[in-house]
Amino acid sequence: MDLNLVIARFKTDRDTLEINDIQYISSAVLLPLVIDSNQLCILLQIRSENLTHHPGEIGFPGGAKENFDSDFVQTVYRETKEEIGLNQDEIEIIGKLDDVITSTRFLIKPYVGIVKDSGDYKLSSEVKMVINVPVSDLNNPINWRNDYIIHEKCLIKLKTFYYDGNIIFGATAKILNNFFNIIDLYKK
C-alpha cells in the first residue's frame, strides 16, 4: 500500500460517524503511519504489564481528553508526546476515522497521522514497546479472525487481527477495520 494512496483516500469527501455523548469518557487516539524498511506500517504500542487497566494489550497512542486540551487533536498530540515522545511537529494529521464506543464507557475519536521521521521513540512507563506492523500484513485476510463475545446479553461478532504472535482486538481492532474499509473503498 502506497502512502500517497492512503493520503488520497482521506482527502476524498466522506462522512464519519461522530458521537457526542456526555455519558462517556471522551478520548482521542492516533493511528500513526510510518515508513519502515520501505514499507508503509502502522505503529502500535504494547502497554506495560504493570498497569491496572489493559496491561500488555496492543493499542494506539492516546487517552482521555483533559479540560485544558483545546480539542481532540490537541489530546492526540499531548498523549502521543507523553506515551512515545513524538512532538506535534513530527506528526501530520491527514484525517479522522469513525468514533468508537467501548464497553468500558470510553468514547474514542481516532485520527490518522503520518509520523514524519520514525526512529527514536521515548517510551513512557505506560508503554512496554512499539511495533511497526506493515499495512499489507494487517490488511491480509490470513491475519484476521472473527471472535464472538457476549455483552449485555447480546452476542457480538468482532474482527480481530493477528501479527507476529500478537492479538489485536477490541477498540483497536474496530479502528483498524474502519481504516482498512476506507483505504480499500476504491480498490480495483
N, C-alpha and C. Protein backbone atom coordinates (compact mmCIF):
# COMPACT_ATOMS: atom_id res chain seq x y z
N MET A 1 0.85 -1.18 0.00
CA MET A 1 0.00 0.00 0.00
C MET A 1 0.89 1.23 0.00
N ASP A 2 0.57 2.15 -0.85
CA ASP A 2 1.34 3.37 -1.05
C ASP A 2 0.81 4.48 -0.14
N LEU A 3 1.72 5.22 0.51
CA LEU A 3 1.33 6.31 1.40
C LEU A 3 0.51 7.36 0.67
N ASN A 4 0.88 7.68 -0.57
CA ASN A 4 0.13 8.68 -1.33
C ASN A 4 -1.30 8.24 -1.60
N LEU A 5 -1.51 6.95 -1.80
CA LEU A 5 -2.86 6.43 -1.98
C LEU A 5 -3.67 6.60 -0.70
N VAL A 6 -3.06 6.32 0.44
CA VAL A 6 -3.75 6.48 1.73
C VAL A 6 -4.13 7.96 1.93
N ILE A 7 -3.19 8.85 1.65
CA ILE A 7 -3.47 10.28 1.80
C ILE A 7 -4.64 10.68 0.89
N ALA A 8 -4.63 10.19 -0.34
CA ALA A 8 -5.71 10.50 -1.28
C ALA A 8 -7.06 10.01 -0.77
N ARG A 9 -7.09 8.82 -0.16
CA ARG A 9 -8.35 8.30 0.38
C ARG A 9 -8.93 9.22 1.46
N PHE A 10 -8.03 9.81 2.25
CA PHE A 10 -8.51 10.67 3.34
C PHE A 10 -8.83 12.08 2.86
N LYS A 11 -8.43 12.41 1.62
CA LYS A 11 -8.80 13.72 1.06
C LYS A 11 -10.15 13.67 0.37
N THR A 12 -10.68 12.47 0.13
CA THR A 12 -11.99 12.35 -0.51
C THR A 12 -13.07 12.80 0.46
N ASP A 13 -14.16 13.30 -0.10
CA ASP A 13 -15.28 13.76 0.72
C ASP A 13 -16.06 12.53 1.21
N ARG A 14 -16.06 12.32 2.49
CA ARG A 14 -16.77 11.18 3.07
C ARG A 14 -17.26 11.55 4.46
N ASP A 15 -18.30 10.88 4.87
CA ASP A 15 -18.85 11.12 6.20
C ASP A 15 -18.16 10.22 7.20
N THR A 16 -17.97 10.73 8.42
CA THR A 16 -17.50 9.89 9.52
C THR A 16 -18.56 9.91 10.60
N LEU A 17 -18.63 8.82 11.33
CA LEU A 17 -19.57 8.72 12.44
C LEU A 17 -19.05 9.58 13.58
N GLU A 18 -19.81 10.59 13.96
CA GLU A 18 -19.46 11.48 15.08
C GLU A 18 -20.45 11.25 16.20
N ILE A 19 -19.94 10.94 17.38
CA ILE A 19 -20.77 10.73 18.55
C ILE A 19 -20.36 11.75 19.60
N ASN A 20 -21.33 12.46 20.12
CA ASN A 20 -21.06 13.42 21.19
C ASN A 20 -22.05 13.12 22.31
N ASP A 21 -21.56 12.44 23.33
CA ASP A 21 -22.42 12.00 24.42
C ASP A 21 -21.66 12.13 25.72
N ILE A 22 -22.22 12.89 26.66
CA ILE A 22 -21.51 13.17 27.91
C ILE A 22 -21.49 11.99 28.87
N GLN A 23 -22.24 10.94 28.56
CA GLN A 23 -22.21 9.79 29.47
C GLN A 23 -20.96 8.93 29.31
N TYR A 24 -20.15 9.24 28.31
CA TYR A 24 -18.92 8.50 28.06
C TYR A 24 -17.71 9.38 28.39
N ILE A 25 -16.58 8.74 28.65
CA ILE A 25 -15.33 9.46 28.87
C ILE A 25 -14.73 9.78 27.50
N SER A 26 -14.63 11.06 27.19
CA SER A 26 -14.12 11.48 25.89
C SER A 26 -12.62 11.26 25.81
N SER A 27 -12.18 10.68 24.69
CA SER A 27 -10.76 10.41 24.48
C SER A 27 -10.44 10.49 23.00
N ALA A 28 -9.16 10.49 22.69
CA ALA A 28 -8.72 10.52 21.30
C ALA A 28 -7.45 9.69 21.17
N VAL A 29 -7.29 9.06 20.01
CA VAL A 29 -6.09 8.27 19.73
C VAL A 29 -5.56 8.62 18.36
N LEU A 30 -4.29 8.29 18.15
CA LEU A 30 -3.63 8.47 16.87
C LEU A 30 -3.34 7.11 16.26
N LEU A 31 -3.79 6.93 15.02
CA LEU A 31 -3.35 5.78 14.23
C LEU A 31 -2.16 6.30 13.42
N PRO A 32 -0.93 6.01 13.91
CA PRO A 32 0.26 6.58 13.28
C PRO A 32 0.77 5.72 12.13
N LEU A 33 0.96 6.36 10.98
CA LEU A 33 1.53 5.70 9.82
C LEU A 33 3.01 6.05 9.75
N VAL A 34 3.84 5.04 9.53
CA VAL A 34 5.28 5.25 9.42
C VAL A 34 5.81 4.44 8.24
N ILE A 35 6.90 4.90 7.69
CA ILE A 35 7.61 4.12 6.68
C ILE A 35 8.77 3.43 7.39
N ASP A 36 8.77 2.09 7.34
CA ASP A 36 9.83 1.31 7.98
C ASP A 36 10.29 0.26 6.98
N SER A 37 11.57 0.24 6.70
CA SER A 37 12.15 -0.69 5.71
C SER A 37 11.42 -0.61 4.38
N ASN A 38 11.13 0.61 3.96
CA ASN A 38 10.45 0.89 2.69
C ASN A 38 9.03 0.34 2.62
N GLN A 39 8.43 0.07 3.77
CA GLN A 39 7.05 -0.41 3.81
C GLN A 39 6.19 0.56 4.61
N LEU A 40 4.95 0.75 4.17
CA LEU A 40 4.00 1.53 4.94
C LEU A 40 3.55 0.68 6.13
N CYS A 41 3.73 1.22 7.32
CA CYS A 41 3.40 0.48 8.55
C CYS A 41 2.49 1.31 9.45
N ILE A 42 1.84 0.62 10.36
CA ILE A 42 1.09 1.25 11.43
C ILE A 42 1.86 1.01 12.71
N LEU A 43 2.14 2.10 13.43
CA LEU A 43 2.83 1.99 14.71
C LEU A 43 1.80 1.63 15.77
N LEU A 44 2.04 0.53 16.46
CA LEU A 44 1.20 0.11 17.57
C LEU A 44 2.06 0.05 18.82
N GLN A 45 1.45 0.29 19.95
CA GLN A 45 2.20 0.20 21.20
C GLN A 45 1.65 -0.95 22.04
N ILE A 46 2.56 -1.62 22.72
CA ILE A 46 2.18 -2.67 23.66
C ILE A 46 2.29 -2.07 25.04
N ARG A 47 1.17 -2.10 25.75
CA ARG A 47 1.11 -1.48 27.08
C ARG A 47 1.93 -2.27 28.09
N SER A 48 2.46 -1.58 29.06
CA SER A 48 3.25 -2.21 30.12
C SER A 48 2.41 -3.23 30.88
N GLU A 49 3.08 -4.28 31.35
CA GLU A 49 2.40 -5.35 32.09
C GLU A 49 1.97 -4.93 33.49
N ASN A 50 2.57 -3.88 34.03
CA ASN A 50 2.28 -3.49 35.42
C ASN A 50 1.15 -2.46 35.54
N LEU A 51 0.43 -2.20 34.46
CA LEU A 51 -0.67 -1.24 34.51
C LEU A 51 -1.93 -1.89 35.08
N THR A 52 -2.75 -1.08 35.70
CA THR A 52 -4.01 -1.57 36.26
C THR A 52 -5.02 -1.90 35.16
N HIS A 53 -5.10 -1.03 34.16
CA HIS A 53 -6.08 -1.20 33.09
C HIS A 53 -5.39 -1.64 31.79
N HIS A 54 -5.87 -2.70 31.20
CA HIS A 54 -5.41 -3.21 29.91
C HIS A 54 -3.91 -3.51 29.84
N PRO A 55 -3.34 -4.17 30.86
CA PRO A 55 -1.89 -4.46 30.81
C PRO A 55 -1.57 -5.41 29.65
N GLY A 56 -0.47 -5.11 28.96
CA GLY A 56 0.00 -5.97 27.89
C GLY A 56 -0.79 -5.91 26.60
N GLU A 57 -1.85 -5.10 26.56
CA GLU A 57 -2.67 -5.03 25.35
C GLU A 57 -2.02 -4.12 24.31
N ILE A 58 -2.43 -4.32 23.08
CA ILE A 58 -1.91 -3.54 21.97
C ILE A 58 -2.90 -2.45 21.62
N GLY A 59 -2.37 -1.24 21.41
CA GLY A 59 -3.24 -0.13 21.07
C GLY A 59 -2.49 0.99 20.40
N PHE A 60 -3.16 2.12 20.34
CA PHE A 60 -2.61 3.32 19.73
C PHE A 60 -2.24 4.32 20.81
N PRO A 61 -1.33 5.24 20.51
CA PRO A 61 -1.09 6.35 21.45
C PRO A 61 -2.38 7.16 21.59
N GLY A 62 -2.69 7.53 22.82
CA GLY A 62 -3.89 8.34 23.04
C GLY A 62 -4.40 8.17 24.45
N GLY A 63 -5.46 8.89 24.75
CA GLY A 63 -6.04 8.81 26.07
C GLY A 63 -7.15 9.82 26.25
N ALA A 64 -7.54 10.00 27.50
CA ALA A 64 -8.68 10.86 27.84
C ALA A 64 -8.38 12.32 27.54
N LYS A 65 -9.42 13.01 27.08
CA LYS A 65 -9.31 14.46 26.83
C LYS A 65 -9.33 15.17 28.18
N GLU A 66 -8.38 16.05 28.36
CA GLU A 66 -8.30 16.86 29.58
C GLU A 66 -8.97 18.21 29.33
N ASN A 67 -9.42 18.86 30.41
CA ASN A 67 -10.09 20.15 30.29
C ASN A 67 -9.23 21.19 29.58
N PHE A 68 -7.92 21.10 29.75
CA PHE A 68 -7.04 22.10 29.14
C PHE A 68 -6.73 21.81 27.67
N ASP A 69 -7.16 20.65 27.15
CA ASP A 69 -7.00 20.36 25.72
C ASP A 69 -8.02 21.20 24.94
N SER A 70 -7.56 21.97 23.97
CA SER A 70 -8.47 22.83 23.21
C SER A 70 -9.43 22.04 22.33
N ASP A 71 -9.00 20.87 21.86
CA ASP A 71 -9.84 20.00 21.05
C ASP A 71 -9.24 18.58 21.07
N PHE A 72 -9.86 17.68 20.33
CA PHE A 72 -9.39 16.28 20.36
C PHE A 72 -8.06 16.09 19.65
N VAL A 73 -7.77 16.91 18.66
CA VAL A 73 -6.46 16.83 18.01
C VAL A 73 -5.38 17.18 19.02
N GLN A 74 -5.65 18.18 19.88
CA GLN A 74 -4.68 18.54 20.91
C GLN A 74 -4.49 17.38 21.90
N THR A 75 -5.56 16.66 22.18
CA THR A 75 -5.45 15.47 23.04
C THR A 75 -4.52 14.44 22.39
N VAL A 76 -4.69 14.21 21.09
CA VAL A 76 -3.84 13.27 20.35
C VAL A 76 -2.37 13.68 20.47
N TYR A 77 -2.09 14.96 20.22
CA TYR A 77 -0.71 15.43 20.28
C TYR A 77 -0.13 15.28 21.70
N ARG A 78 -0.90 15.66 22.70
CA ARG A 78 -0.41 15.60 24.09
C ARG A 78 -0.15 14.16 24.50
N GLU A 79 -1.09 13.28 24.24
CA GLU A 79 -0.95 11.88 24.65
C GLU A 79 0.17 11.17 23.88
N THR A 80 0.31 11.49 22.61
CA THR A 80 1.38 10.89 21.82
C THR A 80 2.74 11.33 22.34
N LYS A 81 2.84 12.58 22.72
CA LYS A 81 4.09 13.09 23.31
C LYS A 81 4.37 12.37 24.64
N GLU A 82 3.35 12.26 25.49
CA GLU A 82 3.51 11.63 26.80
C GLU A 82 3.90 10.15 26.67
N GLU A 83 3.27 9.44 25.75
CA GLU A 83 3.44 7.98 25.69
C GLU A 83 4.65 7.52 24.88
N ILE A 84 4.90 8.17 23.73
CA ILE A 84 6.02 7.68 22.90
C ILE A 84 7.01 8.78 22.52
N GLY A 85 6.82 9.99 23.04
CA GLY A 85 7.81 11.04 22.88
C GLY A 85 7.81 11.79 21.57
N LEU A 86 6.76 11.64 20.75
CA LEU A 86 6.71 12.38 19.50
C LEU A 86 6.12 13.76 19.72
N ASN A 87 6.77 14.78 19.17
CA ASN A 87 6.26 16.14 19.25
C ASN A 87 5.24 16.39 18.15
N GLN A 88 4.42 17.40 18.37
CA GLN A 88 3.38 17.77 17.42
C GLN A 88 3.93 18.00 16.01
N ASP A 89 5.09 18.63 15.91
CA ASP A 89 5.66 18.93 14.59
C ASP A 89 6.23 17.69 13.89
N GLU A 90 6.22 16.54 14.56
CA GLU A 90 6.69 15.29 13.96
C GLU A 90 5.53 14.45 13.41
N ILE A 91 4.31 15.00 13.52
CA ILE A 91 3.10 14.28 13.11
C ILE A 91 2.28 15.17 12.19
N GLU A 92 1.81 14.59 11.09
CA GLU A 92 0.90 15.31 10.20
C GLU A 92 -0.44 14.57 10.20
N ILE A 93 -1.47 15.19 10.79
CA ILE A 93 -2.80 14.58 10.81
C ILE A 93 -3.38 14.68 9.40
N ILE A 94 -3.82 13.53 8.85
CA ILE A 94 -4.37 13.53 7.49
C ILE A 94 -5.87 13.22 7.47
N GLY A 95 -6.44 12.80 8.59
CA GLY A 95 -7.86 12.50 8.56
C GLY A 95 -8.37 11.95 9.87
N LYS A 96 -9.67 11.73 9.89
CA LYS A 96 -10.35 11.21 11.07
C LYS A 96 -11.13 9.97 10.68
N LEU A 97 -11.22 9.05 11.62
CA LEU A 97 -12.00 7.83 11.43
C LEU A 97 -13.30 7.93 12.24
N ASP A 98 -14.15 6.92 12.10
CA ASP A 98 -15.40 6.89 12.87
C ASP A 98 -15.12 6.81 14.36
N ASP A 99 -15.95 7.50 15.13
CA ASP A 99 -15.87 7.42 16.59
C ASP A 99 -16.20 6.00 17.03
N VAL A 100 -15.61 5.59 18.15
CA VAL A 100 -15.79 4.24 18.69
C VAL A 100 -16.19 4.36 20.16
N ILE A 101 -17.18 3.58 20.55
CA ILE A 101 -17.58 3.49 21.95
C ILE A 101 -17.12 2.14 22.47
N THR A 102 -16.53 2.14 23.66
CA THR A 102 -16.03 0.88 24.24
C THR A 102 -16.95 0.40 25.34
N SER A 103 -16.80 -0.85 25.70
CA SER A 103 -17.59 -1.43 26.80
C SER A 103 -17.18 -0.85 28.15
N THR A 104 -16.02 -0.18 28.18
CA THR A 104 -15.56 0.45 29.43
C THR A 104 -15.96 1.92 29.50
N ARG A 105 -16.91 2.32 28.65
CA ARG A 105 -17.54 3.65 28.68
C ARG A 105 -16.64 4.77 28.15
N PHE A 106 -15.74 4.44 27.25
CA PHE A 106 -14.94 5.47 26.58
C PHE A 106 -15.52 5.77 25.21
N LEU A 107 -15.50 7.03 24.85
CA LEU A 107 -15.84 7.48 23.51
C LEU A 107 -14.52 7.92 22.87
N ILE A 108 -14.08 7.17 21.86
CA ILE A 108 -12.77 7.40 21.25
C ILE A 108 -12.93 8.11 19.92
N LYS A 109 -12.19 9.19 19.75
CA LYS A 109 -12.12 9.94 18.49
C LYS A 109 -10.76 9.60 17.86
N PRO A 110 -10.74 8.71 16.84
CA PRO A 110 -9.47 8.30 16.23
C PRO A 110 -9.06 9.19 15.05
N TYR A 111 -7.80 9.56 15.04
CA TYR A 111 -7.22 10.36 13.96
C TYR A 111 -6.10 9.57 13.32
N VAL A 112 -5.92 9.78 12.01
CA VAL A 112 -4.84 9.15 11.27
C VAL A 112 -3.78 10.20 11.02
N GLY A 113 -2.53 9.85 11.30
CA GLY A 113 -1.45 10.80 11.09
C GLY A 113 -0.20 10.12 10.56
N ILE A 114 0.60 10.90 9.88
CA ILE A 114 1.87 10.42 9.35
C ILE A 114 2.97 10.85 10.30
N VAL A 115 3.78 9.90 10.74
CA VAL A 115 4.96 10.21 11.55
C VAL A 115 6.06 10.56 10.54
N LYS A 116 6.50 11.81 10.61
CA LYS A 116 7.42 12.32 9.59
C LYS A 116 8.79 11.66 9.64
N ASP A 117 9.26 11.29 10.82
CA ASP A 117 10.58 10.67 10.93
C ASP A 117 10.52 9.59 12.00
N SER A 118 10.24 8.37 11.56
CA SER A 118 10.16 7.29 12.54
C SER A 118 11.57 6.94 12.99
N GLY A 119 11.71 6.71 14.23
CA GLY A 119 13.04 6.38 14.71
C GLY A 119 13.08 6.21 16.20
N ASP A 120 13.69 7.15 16.86
CA ASP A 120 13.95 7.03 18.28
C ASP A 120 12.75 7.52 19.10
N TYR A 121 12.03 6.58 19.67
CA TYR A 121 10.87 6.92 20.50
C TYR A 121 11.28 6.94 21.96
N LYS A 122 10.70 7.84 22.72
CA LYS A 122 10.95 7.93 24.15
C LYS A 122 9.70 7.41 24.86
N LEU A 123 9.74 6.13 25.23
CA LEU A 123 8.56 5.47 25.78
C LEU A 123 8.35 5.83 27.24
N SER A 124 7.09 6.08 27.59
CA SER A 124 6.74 6.32 28.99
C SER A 124 6.65 4.98 29.71
N SER A 125 6.45 5.02 31.01
CA SER A 125 6.33 3.79 31.80
C SER A 125 5.05 3.02 31.44
N GLU A 126 4.10 3.68 30.75
CA GLU A 126 2.86 3.02 30.33
C GLU A 126 3.07 2.09 29.13
N VAL A 127 4.17 2.31 28.41
CA VAL A 127 4.39 1.60 27.14
C VAL A 127 5.59 0.68 27.26
N LYS A 128 5.35 -0.61 27.03
CA LYS A 128 6.43 -1.60 27.07
C LYS A 128 7.31 -1.49 25.83
N MET A 129 6.65 -1.38 24.65
CA MET A 129 7.38 -1.29 23.39
C MET A 129 6.44 -0.84 22.29
N VAL A 130 7.03 -0.41 21.19
CA VAL A 130 6.24 -0.11 20.00
C VAL A 130 6.65 -1.08 18.89
N ILE A 131 5.69 -1.36 18.02
CA ILE A 131 5.96 -2.22 16.88
C ILE A 131 5.41 -1.54 15.63
N ASN A 132 6.16 -1.63 14.55
CA ASN A 132 5.70 -1.14 13.25
C ASN A 132 5.20 -2.33 12.46
N VAL A 133 3.90 -2.37 12.24
CA VAL A 133 3.27 -3.50 11.57
C VAL A 133 2.95 -3.10 10.13
N PRO A 134 3.48 -3.82 9.15
CA PRO A 134 3.19 -3.49 7.76
C PRO A 134 1.68 -3.51 7.48
N VAL A 135 1.20 -2.46 6.81
CA VAL A 135 -0.21 -2.37 6.45
C VAL A 135 -0.62 -3.60 5.64
N SER A 136 0.27 -4.04 4.76
CA SER A 136 -0.05 -5.21 3.91
C SER A 136 -0.27 -6.47 4.74
N ASP A 137 0.41 -6.61 5.86
CA ASP A 137 0.21 -7.77 6.73
C ASP A 137 -1.12 -7.68 7.48
N LEU A 138 -1.40 -6.51 8.05
CA LEU A 138 -2.65 -6.36 8.80
C LEU A 138 -3.87 -6.44 7.89
N ASN A 139 -3.71 -6.00 6.64
CA ASN A 139 -4.84 -5.98 5.71
C ASN A 139 -4.95 -7.27 4.90
N ASN A 140 -4.25 -8.30 5.33
CA ASN A 140 -4.28 -9.60 4.67
C ASN A 140 -5.26 -10.51 5.43
N PRO A 141 -6.31 -11.00 4.75
CA PRO A 141 -7.31 -11.83 5.44
C PRO A 141 -6.74 -13.04 6.19
N ILE A 142 -5.55 -13.49 5.83
CA ILE A 142 -4.97 -14.61 6.55
C ILE A 142 -4.68 -14.25 8.01
N ASN A 143 -4.57 -12.95 8.29
CA ASN A 143 -4.28 -12.48 9.66
C ASN A 143 -5.52 -11.98 10.40
N TRP A 144 -6.71 -12.29 9.89
CA TRP A 144 -7.96 -11.88 10.53
C TRP A 144 -8.65 -13.09 11.14
N ARG A 145 -9.43 -12.82 12.16
CA ARG A 145 -10.30 -13.84 12.74
C ARG A 145 -11.52 -13.15 13.30
N ASN A 146 -12.64 -13.83 13.25
CA ASN A 146 -13.84 -13.31 13.89
C ASN A 146 -13.98 -13.97 15.25
N ASP A 147 -14.08 -13.16 16.27
CA ASP A 147 -14.32 -13.64 17.62
C ASP A 147 -15.72 -13.21 18.04
N TYR A 148 -16.26 -13.90 19.01
CA TYR A 148 -17.60 -13.59 19.50
C TYR A 148 -17.53 -13.36 21.00
N ILE A 149 -18.23 -12.32 21.45
CA ILE A 149 -18.34 -12.07 22.89
C ILE A 149 -19.81 -11.86 23.22
N ILE A 150 -20.12 -12.06 24.48
CA ILE A 150 -21.45 -11.73 24.97
C ILE A 150 -21.34 -10.47 25.80
N HIS A 151 -22.10 -9.45 25.38
CA HIS A 151 -22.10 -8.16 26.08
C HIS A 151 -23.55 -7.74 26.28
N GLU A 152 -23.92 -7.54 27.53
CA GLU A 152 -25.29 -7.14 27.88
C GLU A 152 -26.32 -8.06 27.20
N LYS A 153 -26.10 -9.36 27.32
CA LYS A 153 -26.98 -10.42 26.82
C LYS A 153 -27.09 -10.47 25.30
N CYS A 154 -26.14 -9.86 24.60
CA CYS A 154 -26.12 -9.90 23.14
C CYS A 154 -24.83 -10.56 22.68
N LEU A 155 -24.95 -11.39 21.65
CA LEU A 155 -23.78 -12.00 21.04
C LEU A 155 -23.26 -11.03 19.98
N ILE A 156 -22.00 -10.65 20.11
CA ILE A 156 -21.41 -9.66 19.22
C ILE A 156 -20.23 -10.29 18.49
N LYS A 157 -20.22 -10.12 17.16
CA LYS A 157 -19.12 -10.62 16.33
C LYS A 157 -18.08 -9.51 16.21
N LEU A 158 -16.84 -9.82 16.51
CA LEU A 158 -15.76 -8.84 16.45
C LEU A 158 -14.63 -9.36 15.58
N LYS A 159 -14.14 -8.49 14.72
CA LYS A 159 -12.98 -8.84 13.89
C LYS A 159 -11.73 -8.58 14.72
N THR A 160 -10.83 -9.53 14.75
CA THR A 160 -9.54 -9.36 15.43
C THR A 160 -8.43 -9.57 14.41
N PHE A 161 -7.28 -9.01 14.73
CA PHE A 161 -6.11 -9.09 13.85
C PHE A 161 -4.99 -9.82 14.58
N TYR A 162 -4.21 -10.56 13.81
CA TYR A 162 -3.06 -11.29 14.38
C TYR A 162 -1.80 -10.86 13.65
N TYR A 163 -0.75 -10.63 14.43
CA TYR A 163 0.52 -10.28 13.81
C TYR A 163 1.66 -10.73 14.72
N ASP A 164 2.52 -11.57 14.20
CA ASP A 164 3.73 -11.99 14.89
C ASP A 164 3.44 -12.46 16.33
N GLY A 165 2.41 -13.26 16.48
CA GLY A 165 2.06 -13.80 17.79
C GLY A 165 1.24 -12.86 18.67
N ASN A 166 0.91 -11.67 18.16
CA ASN A 166 0.13 -10.70 18.93
C ASN A 166 -1.31 -10.68 18.45
N ILE A 167 -2.23 -10.50 19.39
CA ILE A 167 -3.65 -10.40 19.07
C ILE A 167 -4.05 -8.94 19.25
N ILE A 168 -4.67 -8.40 18.23
CA ILE A 168 -5.14 -7.01 18.25
C ILE A 168 -6.66 -7.08 18.22
N PHE A 169 -7.30 -6.61 19.30
CA PHE A 169 -8.74 -6.79 19.44
C PHE A 169 -9.38 -5.53 20.01
N GLY A 170 -10.68 -5.61 20.26
CA GLY A 170 -11.40 -4.52 20.91
C GLY A 170 -11.44 -3.25 20.08
N ALA A 171 -11.34 -2.11 20.77
CA ALA A 171 -11.42 -0.81 20.10
C ALA A 171 -10.31 -0.64 19.06
N THR A 172 -9.13 -1.15 19.36
CA THR A 172 -8.01 -1.05 18.40
C THR A 172 -8.37 -1.76 17.10
N ALA A 173 -8.96 -2.95 17.20
CA ALA A 173 -9.36 -3.69 16.01
C ALA A 173 -10.49 -2.97 15.26
N LYS A 174 -11.43 -2.38 15.99
CA LYS A 174 -12.51 -1.63 15.33
C LYS A 174 -11.94 -0.45 14.55
N ILE A 175 -10.98 0.25 15.12
CA ILE A 175 -10.36 1.40 14.46
C ILE A 175 -9.58 0.93 13.23
N LEU A 176 -8.82 -0.15 13.36
CA LEU A 176 -8.09 -0.69 12.21
C LEU A 176 -9.06 -1.11 11.10
N ASN A 177 -10.14 -1.76 11.47
CA ASN A 177 -11.12 -2.20 10.48
C ASN A 177 -11.69 -1.00 9.72
N ASN A 178 -12.02 0.08 10.43
CA ASN A 178 -12.53 1.29 9.79
C ASN A 178 -11.48 1.88 8.85
N PHE A 179 -10.23 1.91 9.28
CA PHE A 179 -9.13 2.40 8.44
C PHE A 179 -9.04 1.59 7.15
N PHE A 180 -9.06 0.26 7.26
CA PHE A 180 -8.93 -0.59 6.08
C PHE A 180 -10.16 -0.46 5.17
N ASN A 181 -11.34 -0.28 5.74
CA ASN A 181 -12.52 -0.07 4.91
C ASN A 181 -12.37 1.20 4.07
N ILE A 182 -11.79 2.24 4.63
CA ILE A 182 -11.61 3.49 3.91
C ILE A 182 -10.54 3.36 2.82
N ILE A 183 -9.40 2.79 3.16
CA ILE A 183 -8.33 2.73 2.14
C ILE A 183 -8.64 1.71 1.06
N ASP A 184 -9.50 0.75 1.34
CA ASP A 184 -9.87 -0.24 0.34
C ASP A 184 -11.13 0.15 -0.46
N LEU A 185 -11.72 1.28 -0.12
CA LEU A 185 -13.00 1.69 -0.67
C LEU A 185 -13.02 1.71 -2.20
N TYR A 186 -11.98 2.24 -2.78
CA TYR A 186 -11.96 2.39 -4.23
C TYR A 186 -10.98 1.43 -4.90
N LYS A 187 -10.58 0.42 -4.17
CA LYS A 187 -9.62 -0.56 -4.70
C LYS A 187 -10.24 -1.31 -5.86
N LYS A 188 -9.47 -1.46 -6.88
CA LYS A 188 -9.99 -2.17 -8.07
C LYS A 188 -9.31 -3.51 -8.23
